[in-house]
N, C-alpha and C. Protein backbone atom coordinates (compact mmCIF):
# COMPACT_ATOMS: atom_id res chain seq x y z
N MET A 1 94.69 165.37 -100.87
CA MET A 1 94.69 165.22 -99.42
C MET A 1 94.55 166.61 -98.82
N HIS A 2 93.67 166.75 -97.84
CA HIS A 2 93.41 168.03 -97.21
C HIS A 2 93.50 167.86 -95.69
N VAL A 3 94.25 168.72 -95.03
CA VAL A 3 94.31 168.72 -93.57
C VAL A 3 93.05 169.41 -93.08
N ILE A 4 92.30 168.72 -92.21
CA ILE A 4 91.04 169.31 -91.74
C ILE A 4 91.10 169.72 -90.28
N GLY A 5 92.19 169.39 -89.60
CA GLY A 5 92.31 169.80 -88.21
C GLY A 5 93.36 168.99 -87.48
N LYS A 6 93.41 169.21 -86.18
CA LYS A 6 94.38 168.52 -85.33
C LYS A 6 93.65 167.89 -84.15
N ILE A 7 94.21 166.76 -83.70
CA ILE A 7 93.63 166.06 -82.56
C ILE A 7 94.54 166.16 -81.35
N ASP A 8 93.96 165.93 -80.20
CA ASP A 8 94.72 165.71 -78.98
C ASP A 8 95.00 164.21 -78.96
N ARG A 9 96.22 163.84 -79.25
CA ARG A 9 96.56 162.42 -79.39
C ARG A 9 96.24 161.62 -78.13
N GLU A 10 96.29 162.25 -76.99
CA GLU A 10 96.02 161.54 -75.73
C GLU A 10 94.58 161.02 -75.68
N ILE A 11 93.61 161.82 -76.10
CA ILE A 11 92.21 161.35 -76.01
C ILE A 11 91.88 160.33 -77.10
N TYR A 12 92.69 160.26 -78.14
CA TYR A 12 92.47 159.28 -79.20
C TYR A 12 93.24 157.97 -78.97
N ARG A 13 93.97 157.88 -77.88
CA ARG A 13 94.68 156.63 -77.56
C ARG A 13 93.71 155.48 -77.32
N CYS A 14 92.44 155.78 -77.08
CA CYS A 14 91.45 154.71 -76.90
C CYS A 14 91.27 153.92 -78.20
N ILE A 15 91.69 154.47 -79.31
CA ILE A 15 91.60 153.79 -80.61
C ILE A 15 92.93 153.15 -80.97
N SER A 16 94.03 153.88 -80.74
CA SER A 16 95.35 153.36 -81.10
C SER A 16 96.41 154.02 -80.23
N GLY A 17 97.34 153.23 -79.77
CA GLY A 17 98.46 153.77 -79.00
C GLY A 17 99.62 154.18 -79.89
N ASN A 18 99.46 154.04 -81.19
CA ASN A 18 100.54 154.31 -82.14
C ASN A 18 100.31 155.55 -82.98
N ILE A 19 99.63 156.53 -82.47
CA ILE A 19 99.35 157.74 -83.24
C ILE A 19 100.64 158.56 -83.32
N VAL A 20 101.09 158.86 -84.53
CA VAL A 20 102.37 159.55 -84.69
C VAL A 20 102.23 161.01 -85.08
N THR A 21 101.03 161.44 -85.45
CA THR A 21 100.83 162.84 -85.82
C THR A 21 99.51 163.32 -85.25
N ASP A 22 99.39 164.62 -85.12
CA ASP A 22 98.12 165.17 -84.65
C ASP A 22 97.27 165.71 -85.80
N GLU A 23 97.80 165.65 -87.02
CA GLU A 23 97.05 166.13 -88.18
C GLU A 23 96.05 165.09 -88.65
N VAL A 24 94.86 165.56 -88.98
CA VAL A 24 93.82 164.70 -89.54
C VAL A 24 93.58 165.15 -90.98
N ILE A 25 93.55 164.18 -91.88
CA ILE A 25 93.38 164.49 -93.29
C ILE A 25 92.09 163.86 -93.82
N ILE A 26 91.63 164.43 -94.91
CA ILE A 26 90.55 163.84 -95.68
C ILE A 26 91.00 163.84 -97.14
N THR A 27 90.73 162.75 -97.82
CA THR A 27 91.18 162.64 -99.21
C THR A 27 90.04 163.05 -100.15
N ASP A 28 90.40 163.29 -101.39
CA ASP A 28 89.38 163.60 -102.39
C ASP A 28 88.43 162.43 -102.58
N VAL A 29 88.95 161.21 -102.44
CA VAL A 29 88.09 160.02 -102.55
C VAL A 29 87.05 160.00 -101.43
N GLN A 30 87.48 160.34 -100.22
CA GLN A 30 86.55 160.38 -99.10
C GLN A 30 85.50 161.49 -99.28
N ILE A 31 85.92 162.63 -99.77
CA ILE A 31 84.99 163.73 -100.02
C ILE A 31 83.97 163.31 -101.07
N LYS A 32 84.43 162.66 -102.13
CA LYS A 32 83.53 162.17 -103.18
C LYS A 32 82.52 161.18 -102.61
N HIS A 33 82.99 160.27 -101.77
CA HIS A 33 82.09 159.29 -101.14
C HIS A 33 81.00 160.00 -100.33
N ILE A 34 81.41 160.96 -99.53
CA ILE A 34 80.43 161.70 -98.71
C ILE A 34 79.41 162.39 -99.60
N LYS A 35 79.88 163.07 -100.62
CA LYS A 35 78.97 163.81 -101.50
C LYS A 35 78.01 162.89 -102.26
N GLU A 36 78.49 161.70 -102.66
CA GLU A 36 77.65 160.78 -103.41
C GLU A 36 76.67 160.02 -102.53
N ARG A 37 77.12 159.60 -101.38
CA ARG A 37 76.29 158.73 -100.53
C ARG A 37 75.49 159.48 -99.48
N HIS A 38 75.88 160.72 -99.20
CA HIS A 38 75.22 161.52 -98.16
C HIS A 38 75.01 162.94 -98.70
N PRO A 39 74.09 163.08 -99.64
CA PRO A 39 73.91 164.38 -100.31
C PRO A 39 73.76 165.54 -99.32
N ASN A 40 74.49 166.59 -99.60
CA ASN A 40 74.48 167.85 -98.85
C ASN A 40 75.18 167.80 -97.49
N ASP A 41 75.55 166.61 -97.01
CA ASP A 41 76.21 166.53 -95.70
C ASP A 41 77.57 167.20 -95.69
N TYR A 42 78.36 167.00 -96.74
CA TYR A 42 79.68 167.62 -96.77
C TYR A 42 79.57 169.13 -96.72
N GLU A 43 78.69 169.69 -97.52
CA GLU A 43 78.51 171.14 -97.55
C GLU A 43 78.00 171.65 -96.19
N GLN A 44 77.14 170.89 -95.57
CA GLN A 44 76.54 171.32 -94.30
C GLN A 44 77.49 171.18 -93.12
N PHE A 45 78.29 170.11 -93.07
CA PHE A 45 79.05 169.80 -91.87
C PHE A 45 80.56 170.00 -91.97
N SER A 46 81.11 170.16 -93.16
CA SER A 46 82.57 170.26 -93.28
C SER A 46 83.14 171.45 -92.52
N LYS A 47 82.38 172.49 -92.36
CA LYS A 47 82.88 173.65 -91.62
C LYS A 47 83.08 173.34 -90.13
N TYR A 48 82.51 172.23 -89.67
CA TYR A 48 82.63 171.83 -88.27
C TYR A 48 83.66 170.73 -88.04
N PHE A 49 84.29 170.22 -89.08
CA PHE A 49 85.21 169.09 -88.95
C PHE A 49 86.30 169.34 -87.90
N ALA A 50 86.94 170.48 -87.94
CA ALA A 50 88.03 170.77 -87.01
C ALA A 50 87.54 170.75 -85.57
N GLU A 51 86.38 171.33 -85.32
CA GLU A 51 85.81 171.35 -83.97
C GLU A 51 85.43 169.93 -83.52
N ILE A 52 84.85 169.17 -84.42
CA ILE A 52 84.41 167.81 -84.09
C ILE A 52 85.59 166.95 -83.69
N ILE A 53 86.67 166.99 -84.45
CA ILE A 53 87.81 166.13 -84.13
C ILE A 53 88.61 166.65 -82.93
N ALA A 54 88.57 167.95 -82.69
CA ALA A 54 89.31 168.52 -81.56
C ALA A 54 88.57 168.30 -80.24
N GLU A 55 87.23 168.32 -80.29
CA GLU A 55 86.42 168.21 -79.07
C GLU A 55 85.26 167.25 -79.28
N PRO A 56 85.56 165.97 -79.50
CA PRO A 56 84.48 165.01 -79.78
C PRO A 56 83.68 164.67 -78.52
N ASP A 57 82.41 164.31 -78.73
CA ASP A 57 81.60 163.78 -77.63
C ASP A 57 81.83 162.28 -77.49
N TYR A 58 82.04 161.60 -78.61
CA TYR A 58 82.27 160.16 -78.60
C TYR A 58 83.35 159.82 -79.63
N ILE A 59 84.16 158.84 -79.30
CA ILE A 59 85.14 158.28 -80.23
C ILE A 59 84.92 156.78 -80.24
N LEU A 60 84.58 156.24 -81.40
CA LEU A 60 84.30 154.82 -81.52
C LEU A 60 85.31 154.17 -82.46
N GLU A 61 85.77 153.00 -82.08
CA GLU A 61 86.70 152.28 -82.93
C GLU A 61 85.99 151.80 -84.19
N ALA A 62 86.58 152.06 -85.34
CA ALA A 62 86.01 151.62 -86.62
C ALA A 62 86.54 150.24 -86.97
N ASN A 63 86.04 149.68 -88.04
CA ASN A 63 86.46 148.34 -88.45
C ASN A 63 87.70 148.35 -89.34
N ARG A 64 88.36 149.48 -89.46
CA ARG A 64 89.61 149.61 -90.22
C ARG A 64 90.70 150.07 -89.27
N PRO A 65 91.93 149.62 -89.47
CA PRO A 65 93.03 150.02 -88.58
C PRO A 65 93.23 151.54 -88.59
N ASN A 66 93.53 152.07 -87.42
CA ASN A 66 93.83 153.50 -87.26
C ASN A 66 92.71 154.40 -87.74
N THR A 67 91.48 153.93 -87.58
CA THR A 67 90.32 154.68 -88.03
C THR A 67 89.30 154.72 -86.90
N ALA A 68 88.65 155.88 -86.75
CA ALA A 68 87.64 156.04 -85.71
C ALA A 68 86.42 156.73 -86.27
N PHE A 69 85.30 156.47 -85.63
CA PHE A 69 84.10 157.26 -85.87
C PHE A 69 84.08 158.30 -84.76
N VAL A 70 84.07 159.56 -85.13
CA VAL A 70 84.13 160.66 -84.17
C VAL A 70 82.80 161.39 -84.25
N LEU A 71 82.12 161.47 -83.09
CA LEU A 71 80.77 162.02 -83.05
C LEU A 71 80.70 163.24 -82.17
N LYS A 72 79.86 164.18 -82.57
CA LYS A 72 79.62 165.41 -81.81
C LYS A 72 78.14 165.70 -81.89
N LYS A 73 77.54 165.96 -80.75
CA LYS A 73 76.09 166.29 -80.72
C LYS A 73 75.87 167.69 -81.23
């Protein structure tokens, strides 16, 4: 498990009102998925993860509880 940044819990309330921490993590399983299914994306974009989650352009509710798609142009 790796901490990749912190969120402003207030702007993420659109996804869940039960956010208890501002830390965002990524697991080794998730990193492996990205590397296998989206070649070179992890290497190209991981340096921006903290910025993306701190200042997103869009936050979309995902199909899993307490999960969001966070987008930045």
